[in-house]
Amino acid sequence: MKMRVQELHPMLIHAPLTLLPSAAVIDVAAAFSRGPVLDKTSRILWWTTAAGGMLAGFAGLAATQEVKADTPKTRDMMFLHGFTNAVIVLGALGIAAWRTGRPASLASSLMGMGSLALVGYSAWLGGEMVYSEGIGVNGLTMGRAEIDQRSPPLLSREAPRRIARDAVKGLGWLLSRARGVFSGRERIEPRAFGVASIEQALESQPSTERLPSRIEPQPV
C-alpha cells in the first residue's frame, strides 16, 4: 500500500506531542532545582518542540487540501484542530525564545504546563476527526480516482511540489476562516467542538429550530 502525502502529518505529529510535555515537566524541575543541566535540557527541548511542531504543522496545512471533509461539522473540526495547533506552535516558539536568554522560572513553567490542556484537546479532536468522522480514511470518503488526484504517493516526484502548494493553500484557508470567525461574519458549527452536551442539546431540538448549516466549497 502506497503512503500518500496526506499521511505525512499523522506521521510527524507524534514528535511534538511527546516533546512538549517533556519540555514542560523538565522546565518545572529546572525552575525549582536551579540546576544548570535541567535548565539547558529544557531550553533545548522547547526549541526542538517548536521545530517539530512547525514541521508537523506544515504537513497538516497541506493535508487540509488533500482529505475530504465536505460538511460544516467536519470542516470546522479541521479548522479548530489546525487553529489550536497553530496557537500551540506559536506558544512553544515564544517560550523557546524567552528561555534562550533566561533561566527557567515559575512563569515559564506555568505557561508550559498550561499548554498541555490545549495539546490534549487538539490531539483528542484529531482522533475524533479520523475515528468518528472518517476524515483522511480514504476508502470511506473517496474513490481511487479522487484519492490519486488529491493526494499523490509520498515518494513520488510530484509529492514535494504538491505538499508546498497545498500548505500555502491550507494556510490561506485557515487565516481566511479565522478572520471570518473572529470578525463575527461566520460561525463555527457547534457540533465541531466535539462536546457531547452540545450535540445532545442540538439533537433534541425540533428540526425547524436547529441552526442553519453553512457548507463551504471543497478545496481542490
N, C-alpha and C. Protein backbone atom coordinates (compact mmCIF):
# COMPACT_ATOMS: atom_id res chain seq x y z
N MET A 1 0.84 -1.19 0.00
CA MET A 1 0.00 0.00 0.00
C MET A 1 0.88 1.25 0.00
N LYS A 2 0.60 2.17 -0.90
CA LYS A 2 1.41 3.37 -1.01
C LYS A 2 1.08 4.37 0.11
N MET A 3 2.11 4.98 0.67
CA MET A 3 1.91 6.05 1.63
C MET A 3 1.71 7.34 0.86
N ARG A 4 0.70 8.11 1.22
CA ARG A 4 0.35 9.31 0.48
C ARG A 4 0.73 10.57 1.25
N VAL A 5 0.78 11.69 0.54
CA VAL A 5 1.28 12.92 1.15
C VAL A 5 0.43 13.35 2.34
N GLN A 6 -0.86 13.08 2.33
CA GLN A 6 -1.72 13.46 3.46
C GLN A 6 -1.34 12.73 4.74
N GLU A 7 -0.65 11.59 4.61
CA GLU A 7 -0.27 10.80 5.77
C GLU A 7 1.02 11.28 6.42
N LEU A 8 1.64 12.30 5.85
CA LEU A 8 2.86 12.84 6.44
C LEU A 8 2.56 13.52 7.77
N HIS A 9 1.43 14.20 7.87
CA HIS A 9 1.08 14.89 9.12
C HIS A 9 0.92 13.94 10.30
N PRO A 10 0.10 12.89 10.20
CA PRO A 10 0.00 11.97 11.34
C PRO A 10 1.31 11.25 11.66
N MET A 11 2.19 11.14 10.68
CA MET A 11 3.48 10.50 10.93
C MET A 11 4.39 11.42 11.75
N LEU A 12 4.31 12.74 11.49
CA LEU A 12 5.21 13.70 12.14
C LEU A 12 4.69 14.23 13.47
N ILE A 13 3.38 14.19 13.67
CA ILE A 13 2.80 14.89 14.82
C ILE A 13 3.18 14.27 16.15
N HIS A 14 3.58 13.01 16.15
CA HIS A 14 3.89 12.35 17.43
C HIS A 14 5.12 12.95 18.10
N ALA A 15 6.04 13.48 17.33
CA ALA A 15 7.26 14.05 17.94
C ALA A 15 6.94 15.25 18.82
N PRO A 16 6.28 16.31 18.31
CA PRO A 16 5.98 17.43 19.20
C PRO A 16 5.00 17.08 20.32
N LEU A 17 4.10 16.13 20.07
CA LEU A 17 3.17 15.72 21.13
C LEU A 17 3.90 15.07 22.29
N THR A 18 5.03 14.46 22.01
CA THR A 18 5.85 13.85 23.07
C THR A 18 6.82 14.85 23.67
N LEU A 19 7.40 15.69 22.83
CA LEU A 19 8.42 16.63 23.29
C LEU A 19 7.85 17.73 24.17
N LEU A 20 6.64 18.22 23.84
CA LEU A 20 6.10 19.36 24.60
C LEU A 20 5.86 19.01 26.08
N PRO A 21 5.19 17.90 26.39
CA PRO A 21 5.07 17.56 27.82
C PRO A 21 6.41 17.37 28.50
N SER A 22 7.37 16.80 27.78
CA SER A 22 8.71 16.61 28.36
C SER A 22 9.35 17.95 28.66
N ALA A 23 9.25 18.89 27.72
CA ALA A 23 9.82 20.22 27.93
C ALA A 23 9.16 20.93 29.10
N ALA A 24 7.84 20.80 29.20
CA ALA A 24 7.12 21.48 30.28
C ALA A 24 7.50 20.92 31.64
N VAL A 25 7.56 19.60 31.75
CA VAL A 25 7.87 18.97 33.04
C VAL A 25 9.31 19.28 33.46
N ILE A 26 10.24 19.19 32.53
CA ILE A 26 11.65 19.47 32.87
C ILE A 26 11.84 20.95 33.18
N ASP A 27 11.05 21.81 32.54
CA ASP A 27 11.12 23.23 32.85
C ASP A 27 10.69 23.49 34.29
N VAL A 28 9.66 22.79 34.74
CA VAL A 28 9.23 22.92 36.13
C VAL A 28 10.34 22.45 37.07
N ALA A 29 10.93 21.32 36.76
CA ALA A 29 12.02 20.80 37.60
C ALA A 29 13.20 21.77 37.62
N ALA A 30 13.52 22.36 36.46
CA ALA A 30 14.63 23.31 36.40
C ALA A 30 14.34 24.57 37.19
N ALA A 31 13.07 25.00 37.17
CA ALA A 31 12.71 26.22 37.90
C ALA A 31 12.88 26.04 39.40
N PHE A 32 12.59 24.85 39.91
CA PHE A 32 12.67 24.62 41.35
C PHE A 32 14.06 24.19 41.79
N SER A 33 14.78 23.48 40.93
CA SER A 33 16.10 22.98 41.33
C SER A 33 17.22 23.97 41.04
N ARG A 34 16.97 24.86 40.04
CA ARG A 34 18.01 25.80 39.59
C ARG A 34 19.25 25.09 39.08
N GLY A 35 19.09 23.84 38.66
CA GLY A 35 20.22 23.09 38.15
C GLY A 35 20.54 23.46 36.71
N PRO A 36 21.81 23.68 36.37
CA PRO A 36 22.17 24.09 35.01
C PRO A 36 21.89 23.03 33.96
N VAL A 37 22.01 21.76 34.33
CA VAL A 37 21.78 20.69 33.36
C VAL A 37 20.31 20.64 32.96
N LEU A 38 19.43 20.66 33.96
CA LEU A 38 18.00 20.66 33.67
C LEU A 38 17.58 21.92 32.91
N ASP A 39 18.17 23.04 33.27
CA ASP A 39 17.83 24.30 32.61
C ASP A 39 18.20 24.25 31.13
N LYS A 40 19.39 23.76 30.83
CA LYS A 40 19.82 23.65 29.44
C LYS A 40 18.99 22.62 28.68
N THR A 41 18.67 21.52 29.35
CA THR A 41 17.88 20.47 28.70
C THR A 41 16.50 20.99 28.32
N SER A 42 15.84 21.70 29.23
CA SER A 42 14.51 22.21 28.93
C SER A 42 14.55 23.25 27.83
N ARG A 43 15.60 24.06 27.80
CA ARG A 43 15.74 25.06 26.74
C ARG A 43 15.86 24.39 25.38
N ILE A 44 16.67 23.34 25.30
CA ILE A 44 16.82 22.60 24.04
C ILE A 44 15.51 21.94 23.64
N LEU A 45 14.80 21.39 24.63
CA LEU A 45 13.54 20.72 24.33
C LEU A 45 12.48 21.69 23.81
N TRP A 46 12.46 22.91 24.32
CA TRP A 46 11.49 23.88 23.82
C TRP A 46 11.75 24.22 22.36
N TRP A 47 13.01 24.41 22.00
CA TRP A 47 13.32 24.68 20.59
C TRP A 47 13.03 23.46 19.71
N THR A 48 13.31 22.28 20.23
CA THR A 48 13.02 21.06 19.46
C THR A 48 11.52 20.89 19.28
N THR A 49 10.77 21.18 20.33
CA THR A 49 9.30 21.10 20.25
C THR A 49 8.77 22.06 19.21
N ALA A 50 9.26 23.31 19.23
CA ALA A 50 8.80 24.31 18.28
C ALA A 50 9.13 23.89 16.85
N ALA A 51 10.34 23.38 16.64
CA ALA A 51 10.73 22.95 15.30
C ALA A 51 9.88 21.77 14.82
N GLY A 52 9.67 20.80 15.71
CA GLY A 52 8.84 19.65 15.35
C GLY A 52 7.40 20.05 15.08
N GLY A 53 6.89 21.00 15.86
CA GLY A 53 5.53 21.48 15.65
C GLY A 53 5.37 22.21 14.34
N MET A 54 6.37 23.00 13.97
CA MET A 54 6.31 23.72 12.69
C MET A 54 6.32 22.74 11.52
N LEU A 55 7.14 21.72 11.62
CA LEU A 55 7.22 20.73 10.54
C LEU A 55 5.91 19.96 10.42
N ALA A 56 5.38 19.51 11.55
CA ALA A 56 4.11 18.78 11.53
C ALA A 56 2.97 19.70 11.09
N GLY A 57 3.04 20.97 11.50
CA GLY A 57 2.00 21.92 11.11
C GLY A 57 2.02 22.19 9.62
N PHE A 58 3.19 22.27 9.03
CA PHE A 58 3.32 22.46 7.60
C PHE A 58 2.66 21.31 6.85
N ALA A 59 2.93 20.09 7.31
CA ALA A 59 2.30 18.93 6.70
C ALA A 59 0.80 18.92 6.94
N GLY A 60 0.38 19.39 8.11
CA GLY A 60 -1.04 19.44 8.42
C GLY A 60 -1.79 20.43 7.55
N LEU A 61 -1.18 21.58 7.28
CA LEU A 61 -1.81 22.56 6.39
C LEU A 61 -2.00 21.97 5.00
N ALA A 62 -1.00 21.24 4.54
CA ALA A 62 -1.13 20.58 3.24
C ALA A 62 -2.24 19.55 3.26
N ALA A 63 -2.35 18.82 4.37
CA ALA A 63 -3.34 17.75 4.46
C ALA A 63 -4.77 18.28 4.40
N THR A 64 -4.98 19.55 4.82
CA THR A 64 -6.34 20.10 4.76
C THR A 64 -6.86 20.15 3.32
N GLN A 65 -5.95 20.20 2.37
CA GLN A 65 -6.34 20.27 0.97
C GLN A 65 -6.37 18.90 0.30
N GLU A 66 -5.99 17.87 1.03
CA GLU A 66 -5.82 16.55 0.43
C GLU A 66 -6.79 15.51 0.96
N VAL A 67 -7.56 15.86 1.99
CA VAL A 67 -8.57 14.96 2.52
C VAL A 67 -9.95 15.53 2.19
N LYS A 68 -10.96 14.71 2.38
CA LYS A 68 -12.32 15.13 2.06
C LYS A 68 -13.10 15.37 3.35
N ALA A 69 -13.48 16.61 3.56
CA ALA A 69 -14.31 16.99 4.70
C ALA A 69 -15.32 18.00 4.18
N ASP A 70 -16.45 17.52 3.71
CA ASP A 70 -17.37 18.39 2.97
C ASP A 70 -18.68 18.68 3.68
N THR A 71 -18.68 18.58 5.02
CA THR A 71 -19.84 19.02 5.78
C THR A 71 -19.40 20.14 6.72
N PRO A 72 -20.33 20.98 7.18
CA PRO A 72 -19.94 22.05 8.10
C PRO A 72 -19.23 21.54 9.35
N LYS A 73 -19.70 20.41 9.89
CA LYS A 73 -19.09 19.87 11.11
C LYS A 73 -17.66 19.45 10.87
N THR A 74 -17.41 18.67 9.84
CA THR A 74 -16.05 18.16 9.63
C THR A 74 -15.10 19.27 9.20
N ARG A 75 -15.58 20.21 8.39
CA ARG A 75 -14.69 21.32 8.00
C ARG A 75 -14.30 22.16 9.21
N ASP A 76 -15.27 22.39 10.11
CA ASP A 76 -14.96 23.21 11.27
C ASP A 76 -14.16 22.43 12.32
N MET A 77 -14.32 21.12 12.37
CA MET A 77 -13.44 20.32 13.22
C MET A 77 -11.99 20.46 12.75
N MET A 78 -11.81 20.44 11.44
CA MET A 78 -10.47 20.59 10.89
C MET A 78 -9.92 21.98 11.17
N PHE A 79 -10.79 22.99 11.10
CA PHE A 79 -10.35 24.36 11.41
C PHE A 79 -9.93 24.47 12.87
N LEU A 80 -10.76 23.96 13.78
CA LEU A 80 -10.43 24.04 15.21
C LEU A 80 -9.13 23.31 15.52
N HIS A 81 -8.95 22.15 14.91
CA HIS A 81 -7.72 21.37 15.11
C HIS A 81 -6.51 22.16 14.61
N GLY A 82 -6.61 22.73 13.42
CA GLY A 82 -5.50 23.48 12.86
C GLY A 82 -5.22 24.76 13.62
N PHE A 83 -6.27 25.49 14.00
CA PHE A 83 -6.08 26.74 14.72
C PHE A 83 -5.46 26.50 16.09
N THR A 84 -5.95 25.48 16.79
CA THR A 84 -5.39 25.16 18.11
C THR A 84 -3.92 24.77 18.00
N ASN A 85 -3.59 24.00 16.98
CA ASN A 85 -2.19 23.61 16.79
C ASN A 85 -1.32 24.82 16.48
N ALA A 86 -1.86 25.76 15.71
CA ALA A 86 -1.10 26.98 15.40
C ALA A 86 -0.80 27.76 16.67
N VAL A 87 -1.79 27.87 17.57
CA VAL A 87 -1.59 28.56 18.84
C VAL A 87 -0.52 27.84 19.67
N ILE A 88 -0.57 26.52 19.68
CA ILE A 88 0.41 25.74 20.45
C ILE A 88 1.83 25.96 19.91
N VAL A 89 1.99 25.93 18.59
CA VAL A 89 3.32 26.11 18.00
C VAL A 89 3.84 27.51 18.27
N LEU A 90 2.99 28.52 18.11
CA LEU A 90 3.42 29.89 18.38
C LEU A 90 3.78 30.06 19.86
N GLY A 91 3.02 29.40 20.73
CA GLY A 91 3.35 29.45 22.15
C GLY A 91 4.69 28.79 22.45
N ALA A 92 4.95 27.65 21.82
CA ALA A 92 6.23 26.96 22.02
C ALA A 92 7.39 27.82 21.52
N LEU A 93 7.19 28.48 20.38
CA LEU A 93 8.23 29.39 19.86
C LEU A 93 8.48 30.54 20.83
N GLY A 94 7.39 31.08 21.38
CA GLY A 94 7.53 32.18 22.32
C GLY A 94 8.28 31.76 23.58
N ILE A 95 7.93 30.61 24.12
CA ILE A 95 8.63 30.13 25.32
C ILE A 95 10.08 29.83 25.02
N ALA A 96 10.35 29.21 23.86
CA ALA A 96 11.74 28.91 23.48
C ALA A 96 12.56 30.18 23.36
N ALA A 97 11.98 31.20 22.73
CA ALA A 97 12.70 32.48 22.58
C ALA A 97 12.91 33.14 23.95
N TRP A 98 11.91 33.09 24.79
CA TRP A 98 12.02 33.66 26.14
C TRP A 98 13.10 32.95 26.95
N ARG A 99 13.15 31.62 26.81
CA ARG A 99 14.09 30.84 27.60
C ARG A 99 15.52 30.91 27.08
N THR A 100 15.70 31.41 25.87
CA THR A 100 17.05 31.44 25.30
C THR A 100 18.01 32.26 26.16
N GLY A 101 17.54 33.39 26.65
CA GLY A 101 18.43 34.24 27.44
C GLY A 101 18.07 34.30 28.90
N ARG A 102 17.16 33.44 29.35
CA ARG A 102 16.71 33.48 30.74
C ARG A 102 16.64 32.08 31.33
N PRO A 103 16.85 31.97 32.62
CA PRO A 103 16.72 30.65 33.27
C PRO A 103 15.25 30.28 33.42
N ALA A 104 15.00 29.02 33.69
CA ALA A 104 13.63 28.57 33.93
C ALA A 104 13.06 29.30 35.15
N SER A 105 11.79 29.65 35.06
CA SER A 105 11.14 30.38 36.14
C SER A 105 9.73 29.84 36.34
N LEU A 106 9.07 30.33 37.37
CA LEU A 106 7.70 29.92 37.63
C LEU A 106 6.79 30.33 36.47
N ALA A 107 7.05 31.50 35.89
CA ALA A 107 6.22 31.99 34.78
C ALA A 107 6.33 31.07 33.56
N SER A 108 7.56 30.74 33.17
CA SER A 108 7.73 29.86 32.01
C SER A 108 7.18 28.47 32.29
N SER A 109 7.29 28.02 33.53
CA SER A 109 6.77 26.71 33.89
C SER A 109 5.25 26.68 33.79
N LEU A 110 4.59 27.74 34.28
CA LEU A 110 3.13 27.81 34.23
C LEU A 110 2.64 27.87 32.78
N MET A 111 3.35 28.62 31.94
CA MET A 111 2.96 28.68 30.53
C MET A 111 3.09 27.32 29.87
N GLY A 112 4.18 26.63 30.17
CA GLY A 112 4.39 25.31 29.60
C GLY A 112 3.35 24.31 30.05
N MET A 113 3.05 24.29 31.34
CA MET A 113 2.05 23.35 31.85
C MET A 113 0.66 23.70 31.34
N GLY A 114 0.39 25.00 31.20
CA GLY A 114 -0.91 25.42 30.68
C GLY A 114 -1.15 24.98 29.26
N SER A 115 -0.08 24.88 28.48
CA SER A 115 -0.22 24.48 27.09
C SER A 115 -0.64 23.01 26.95
N LEU A 116 -0.44 22.22 28.01
CA LEU A 116 -0.78 20.79 27.93
C LEU A 116 -2.28 20.58 27.74
N ALA A 117 -3.10 21.48 28.27
CA ALA A 117 -4.55 21.35 28.10
C ALA A 117 -4.92 21.51 26.63
N LEU A 118 -4.30 22.51 25.97
CA LEU A 118 -4.56 22.71 24.54
C LEU A 118 -4.07 21.52 23.73
N VAL A 119 -2.91 21.00 24.09
CA VAL A 119 -2.36 19.85 23.37
C VAL A 119 -3.30 18.65 23.49
N GLY A 120 -3.80 18.42 24.70
CA GLY A 120 -4.71 17.30 24.91
C GLY A 120 -5.99 17.45 24.10
N TYR A 121 -6.55 18.66 24.08
CA TYR A 121 -7.79 18.87 23.32
C TYR A 121 -7.54 18.69 21.83
N SER A 122 -6.47 19.26 21.33
CA SER A 122 -6.19 19.17 19.90
C SER A 122 -5.94 17.72 19.47
N ALA A 123 -5.19 16.99 20.30
CA ALA A 123 -4.91 15.58 19.98
C ALA A 123 -6.20 14.77 19.99
N TRP A 124 -7.06 15.03 20.98
CA TRP A 124 -8.34 14.31 21.04
C TRP A 124 -9.21 14.65 19.84
N LEU A 125 -9.24 15.94 19.47
CA LEU A 125 -10.05 16.36 18.33
C LEU A 125 -9.53 15.72 17.04
N GLY A 126 -8.21 15.61 16.91
CA GLY A 126 -7.64 14.93 15.75
C GLY A 126 -8.08 13.48 15.67
N GLY A 127 -8.13 12.80 16.83
CA GLY A 127 -8.61 11.43 16.85
C GLY A 127 -10.08 11.33 16.48
N GLU A 128 -10.90 12.28 16.96
CA GLU A 128 -12.32 12.30 16.62
C GLU A 128 -12.53 12.48 15.12
N MET A 129 -11.71 13.33 14.53
CA MET A 129 -11.83 13.58 13.09
C MET A 129 -11.63 12.29 12.30
N VAL A 130 -10.68 11.49 12.72
CA VAL A 130 -10.36 10.26 11.98
C VAL A 130 -11.32 9.14 12.35
N TYR A 131 -11.43 8.84 13.65
CA TYR A 131 -12.13 7.63 14.08
C TYR A 131 -13.65 7.79 14.10
N SER A 132 -14.14 9.03 14.33
CA SER A 132 -15.59 9.23 14.36
C SER A 132 -16.13 9.74 13.03
N GLU A 133 -15.35 10.59 12.35
CA GLU A 133 -15.83 11.22 11.12
C GLU A 133 -15.22 10.63 9.85
N GLY A 134 -14.14 9.87 9.99
CA GLY A 134 -13.52 9.24 8.82
C GLY A 134 -12.68 10.17 7.98
N ILE A 135 -12.34 11.36 8.49
CA ILE A 135 -11.51 12.28 7.72
C ILE A 135 -10.13 11.67 7.52
N GLY A 136 -9.70 11.59 6.28
CA GLY A 136 -8.40 11.02 5.97
C GLY A 136 -8.42 9.52 5.77
N VAL A 137 -9.57 8.88 6.06
CA VAL A 137 -9.70 7.45 5.80
C VAL A 137 -10.23 7.32 4.37
N ASN A 138 -9.32 7.20 3.44
CA ASN A 138 -9.65 7.37 2.03
C ASN A 138 -10.75 6.44 1.53
N GLY A 139 -10.71 5.20 1.95
CA GLY A 139 -11.68 4.24 1.45
C GLY A 139 -13.11 4.57 1.83
N LEU A 140 -13.28 5.36 2.89
CA LEU A 140 -14.62 5.72 3.35
C LEU A 140 -15.16 6.97 2.67
N THR A 141 -14.29 7.84 2.24
CA THR A 141 -14.74 9.15 1.76
C THR A 141 -14.46 9.40 0.29
N MET A 142 -13.55 8.65 -0.32
CA MET A 142 -13.17 8.94 -1.70
C MET A 142 -12.93 7.65 -2.48
N GLY A 143 -13.16 7.73 -3.78
CA GLY A 143 -12.82 6.63 -4.66
C GLY A 143 -11.37 6.72 -5.09
N ARG A 144 -10.89 5.69 -5.77
CA ARG A 144 -9.49 5.62 -6.17
C ARG A 144 -9.06 6.81 -7.02
N ALA A 145 -9.88 7.20 -7.97
CA ALA A 145 -9.51 8.30 -8.86
C ALA A 145 -9.37 9.61 -8.08
N GLU A 146 -10.29 9.86 -7.16
CA GLU A 146 -10.22 11.10 -6.38
C GLU A 146 -9.04 11.08 -5.42
N ILE A 147 -8.74 9.92 -4.86
CA ILE A 147 -7.58 9.80 -3.97
C ILE A 147 -6.30 10.16 -4.73
N ASP A 148 -6.15 9.60 -5.93
CA ASP A 148 -4.96 9.86 -6.73
C ASP A 148 -4.85 11.33 -7.10
N GLN A 149 -5.99 11.97 -7.35
CA GLN A 149 -5.98 13.37 -7.76
C GLN A 149 -5.64 14.29 -6.58
N ARG A 150 -6.16 13.97 -5.40
CA ARG A 150 -5.96 14.82 -4.24
C ARG A 150 -4.63 14.59 -3.54
N SER A 151 -4.22 13.33 -3.43
CA SER A 151 -3.09 13.00 -2.57
C SER A 151 -2.18 11.98 -3.25
N PRO A 152 -1.18 12.44 -3.98
CA PRO A 152 -0.28 11.51 -4.67
C PRO A 152 0.61 10.75 -3.68
N PRO A 153 1.26 9.69 -4.12
CA PRO A 153 2.17 8.94 -3.24
C PRO A 153 3.27 9.84 -2.67
N LEU A 154 3.62 9.61 -1.42
CA LEU A 154 4.60 10.46 -0.74
C LEU A 154 5.96 10.40 -1.40
N LEU A 155 6.33 9.26 -1.98
CA LEU A 155 7.65 9.10 -2.58
C LEU A 155 7.65 9.38 -4.08
N SER A 156 6.60 10.00 -4.58
CA SER A 156 6.54 10.32 -6.00
C SER A 156 7.25 11.64 -6.28
N ARG A 157 7.55 11.89 -7.55
CA ARG A 157 8.21 13.13 -7.95
C ARG A 157 7.30 14.33 -7.73
N GLU A 158 6.01 14.10 -7.76
CA GLU A 158 5.05 15.19 -7.60
C GLU A 158 4.89 15.63 -6.15
N ALA A 159 5.24 14.77 -5.20
CA ALA A 159 4.94 15.00 -3.80
C ALA A 159 5.50 16.32 -3.24
N PRO A 160 6.78 16.66 -3.41
CA PRO A 160 7.28 17.92 -2.84
C PRO A 160 6.52 19.15 -3.33
N ARG A 161 6.25 19.19 -4.62
CA ARG A 161 5.52 20.34 -5.17
C ARG A 161 4.10 20.38 -4.62
N ARG A 162 3.46 19.23 -4.51
CA ARG A 162 2.09 19.19 -4.02
C ARG A 162 2.02 19.60 -2.55
N ILE A 163 2.96 19.13 -1.75
CA ILE A 163 2.96 19.49 -0.33
C ILE A 163 3.14 20.99 -0.16
N ALA A 164 4.09 21.57 -0.88
CA ALA A 164 4.33 23.02 -0.78
C ALA A 164 3.11 23.81 -1.24
N ARG A 165 2.54 23.43 -2.37
CA ARG A 165 1.37 24.14 -2.89
C ARG A 165 0.18 24.05 -1.94
N ASP A 166 -0.08 22.83 -1.45
CA ASP A 166 -1.23 22.64 -0.59
C ASP A 166 -1.04 23.28 0.78
N ALA A 167 0.20 23.35 1.27
CA ALA A 167 0.45 24.02 2.55
C ALA A 167 0.14 25.50 2.45
N VAL A 168 0.51 26.12 1.35
CA VAL A 168 0.20 27.54 1.15
C VAL A 168 -1.30 27.75 1.06
N LYS A 169 -1.98 26.88 0.31
CA LYS A 169 -3.43 26.99 0.19
C LYS A 169 -4.10 26.72 1.54
N GLY A 170 -3.57 25.76 2.29
CA GLY A 170 -4.13 25.46 3.60
C GLY A 170 -3.97 26.61 4.57
N LEU A 171 -2.82 27.28 4.53
CA LEU A 171 -2.61 28.44 5.40
C LEU A 171 -3.58 29.56 5.03
N GLY A 172 -3.77 29.78 3.75
CA GLY A 172 -4.72 30.79 3.31
C GLY A 172 -6.12 30.48 3.79
N TRP A 173 -6.51 29.21 3.70
CA TRP A 173 -7.84 28.81 4.16
C TRP A 173 -7.98 29.01 5.66
N LEU A 174 -6.96 28.63 6.44
CA LEU A 174 -7.01 28.75 7.89
C LEU A 174 -7.13 30.22 8.31
N LEU A 175 -6.33 31.09 7.70
CA LEU A 175 -6.37 32.51 8.05
C LEU A 175 -7.69 33.14 7.64
N SER A 176 -8.19 32.77 6.47
CA SER A 176 -9.46 33.31 6.00
C SER A 176 -10.61 32.89 6.91
N ARG A 177 -10.60 31.62 7.30
CA ARG A 177 -11.65 31.12 8.19
C ARG A 177 -11.56 31.80 9.54
N ALA A 178 -10.35 31.99 10.06
CA ALA A 178 -10.17 32.65 11.35
C ALA A 178 -10.66 34.09 11.31
N ARG A 179 -10.37 34.80 10.22
CA ARG A 179 -10.86 36.18 10.08
C ARG A 179 -12.38 36.22 10.11
N GLY A 180 -13.00 35.29 9.39
CA GLY A 180 -14.45 35.26 9.35
C GLY A 180 -15.05 34.98 10.72
N VAL A 181 -14.44 34.07 11.46
CA VAL A 181 -14.97 33.70 12.79
C VAL A 181 -14.79 34.84 13.78
N PHE A 182 -13.59 35.41 13.84
CA PHE A 182 -13.32 36.44 14.84
C PHE A 182 -13.95 37.78 14.51
N SER A 183 -14.29 37.99 13.25
CA SER A 183 -15.00 39.22 12.88
C SER A 183 -16.50 39.10 13.10
N GLY A 184 -16.97 37.90 13.34
CA GLY A 184 -18.39 37.68 13.54
C GLY A 184 -19.17 37.44 12.27
N ARG A 185 -18.51 37.43 11.11
CA ARG A 185 -19.22 37.22 9.85
C ARG A 185 -19.61 35.75 9.68
N GLU A 186 -18.85 34.85 10.29
CA GLU A 186 -19.11 33.43 10.17
C GLU A 186 -19.18 32.82 11.57
N ARG A 187 -19.76 31.67 11.67
CA ARG A 187 -19.82 30.98 12.95
C ARG A 187 -19.30 29.55 12.80
N ILE A 188 -18.86 29.01 13.89
CA ILE A 188 -18.39 27.63 13.91
C ILE A 188 -19.58 26.71 14.20
N GLU A 189 -19.71 25.66 13.43
CA GLU A 189 -20.74 24.66 13.68
C GLU A 189 -20.57 24.12 15.10
N PRO A 190 -21.57 24.24 15.98
CA PRO A 190 -21.41 23.82 17.38
C PRO A 190 -20.96 22.37 17.55
N ARG A 191 -21.40 21.49 16.67
CA ARG A 191 -21.02 20.09 16.80
C ARG A 191 -19.53 19.86 16.56
N ALA A 192 -18.87 20.83 15.92
CA ALA A 192 -17.46 20.66 15.58
C ALA A 192 -16.57 20.62 16.82
N PHE A 193 -17.03 21.20 17.93
CA PHE A 193 -16.21 21.21 19.15
C PHE A 193 -16.09 19.83 19.75
N GLY A 194 -17.00 18.91 19.36
CA GLY A 194 -16.93 17.56 19.88
C GLY A 194 -17.40 17.42 21.30
N VAL A 195 -18.17 18.40 21.80
CA VAL A 195 -18.68 18.35 23.17
C VAL A 195 -20.03 17.66 23.16
N ALA A 196 -20.12 16.56 23.88
CA ALA A 196 -21.33 15.73 23.82
C ALA A 196 -22.58 16.49 24.25
N SER A 197 -22.46 17.36 25.26
CA SER A 197 -23.64 18.07 25.75
C SER A 197 -24.21 19.00 24.69
N ILE A 198 -23.34 19.61 23.88
CA ILE A 198 -23.80 20.48 22.81
C ILE A 198 -24.51 19.66 21.75
N GLU A 199 -23.93 18.54 21.38
CA GLU A 199 -24.53 17.70 20.36
C GLU A 199 -25.89 17.17 20.82
N GLN A 200 -25.99 16.76 22.08
CA GLN A 200 -27.25 16.24 22.57
C GLN A 200 -28.33 17.31 22.60
N ALA A 201 -27.94 18.55 22.97
CA ALA A 201 -28.92 19.64 23.00
C ALA A 201 -29.43 19.96 21.61
N LEU A 202 -28.51 19.93 20.63
CA LEU A 202 -28.91 20.22 19.26
C LEU A 202 -29.81 19.12 18.70
N GLU A 203 -29.48 17.88 19.04
CA GLU A 203 -30.28 16.77 18.53
C GLU A 203 -31.68 16.74 19.13
N SER A 204 -31.83 17.33 20.34
CA SER A 204 -33.13 17.34 20.99
C SER A 204 -34.05 18.44 20.46
N GLN A 205 -33.48 19.40 19.69
CA GLN A 205 -34.29 20.48 19.13
C GLN A 205 -35.12 19.96 17.98
N PRO A 206 -36.33 20.52 17.80
CA PRO A 206 -37.07 20.22 16.58
C PRO A 206 -36.28 20.67 15.36
N SER A 207 -36.48 20.00 14.25
CA SER A 207 -35.69 20.29 13.05
C SER A 207 -35.84 21.72 12.61
N THR A 208 -36.99 22.35 12.87
CA THR A 208 -37.21 23.74 12.42
C THR A 208 -36.47 24.74 13.28
N GLU A 209 -35.99 24.31 14.47
CA GLU A 209 -35.31 25.23 15.37
C GLU A 209 -33.80 25.10 15.30
N ARG A 210 -33.32 24.13 14.56
CA ARG A 210 -31.87 23.93 14.53
C ARG A 210 -31.19 25.05 13.76
N LEU A 211 -29.97 25.32 14.15
CA LEU A 211 -29.21 26.37 13.49
C LEU A 211 -28.95 26.00 12.04
N PRO A 212 -29.01 26.97 11.14
CA PRO A 212 -28.72 26.66 9.73
C PRO A 212 -27.26 26.29 9.54
N SER A 213 -27.03 25.43 8.59
CA SER A 213 -25.66 24.99 8.32
C SER A 213 -25.10 25.76 7.14
N ARG A 214 -23.80 25.95 7.16
CA ARG A 214 -23.13 26.61 6.06
C ARG A 214 -22.12 25.65 5.48
N ILE A 215 -22.29 25.23 4.26
CA ILE A 215 -21.38 24.29 3.62
C ILE A 215 -20.39 25.07 2.80
N GLU A 216 -19.12 24.92 3.10
CA GLU A 216 -18.08 25.63 2.37
C GLU A 216 -17.69 24.86 1.13
N PRO A 217 -17.25 25.54 0.10
CA PRO A 217 -16.77 24.83 -1.08
C PRO A 217 -15.56 23.99 -0.74
N GLN A 218 -15.51 22.78 -1.29
CA GLN A 218 -14.40 21.88 -1.01
C GLN A 218 -13.20 22.27 -1.86
N PRO A 219 -12.01 22.50 -1.20
CA PRO A 219 -10.81 22.86 -1.97
C PRO A 219 -10.40 21.73 -2.89
N VAL A 220 -9.76 22.08 -3.99
CA VAL A 220 -9.29 21.08 -4.97
C VAL A 220 -7.79 21.05 -4.93
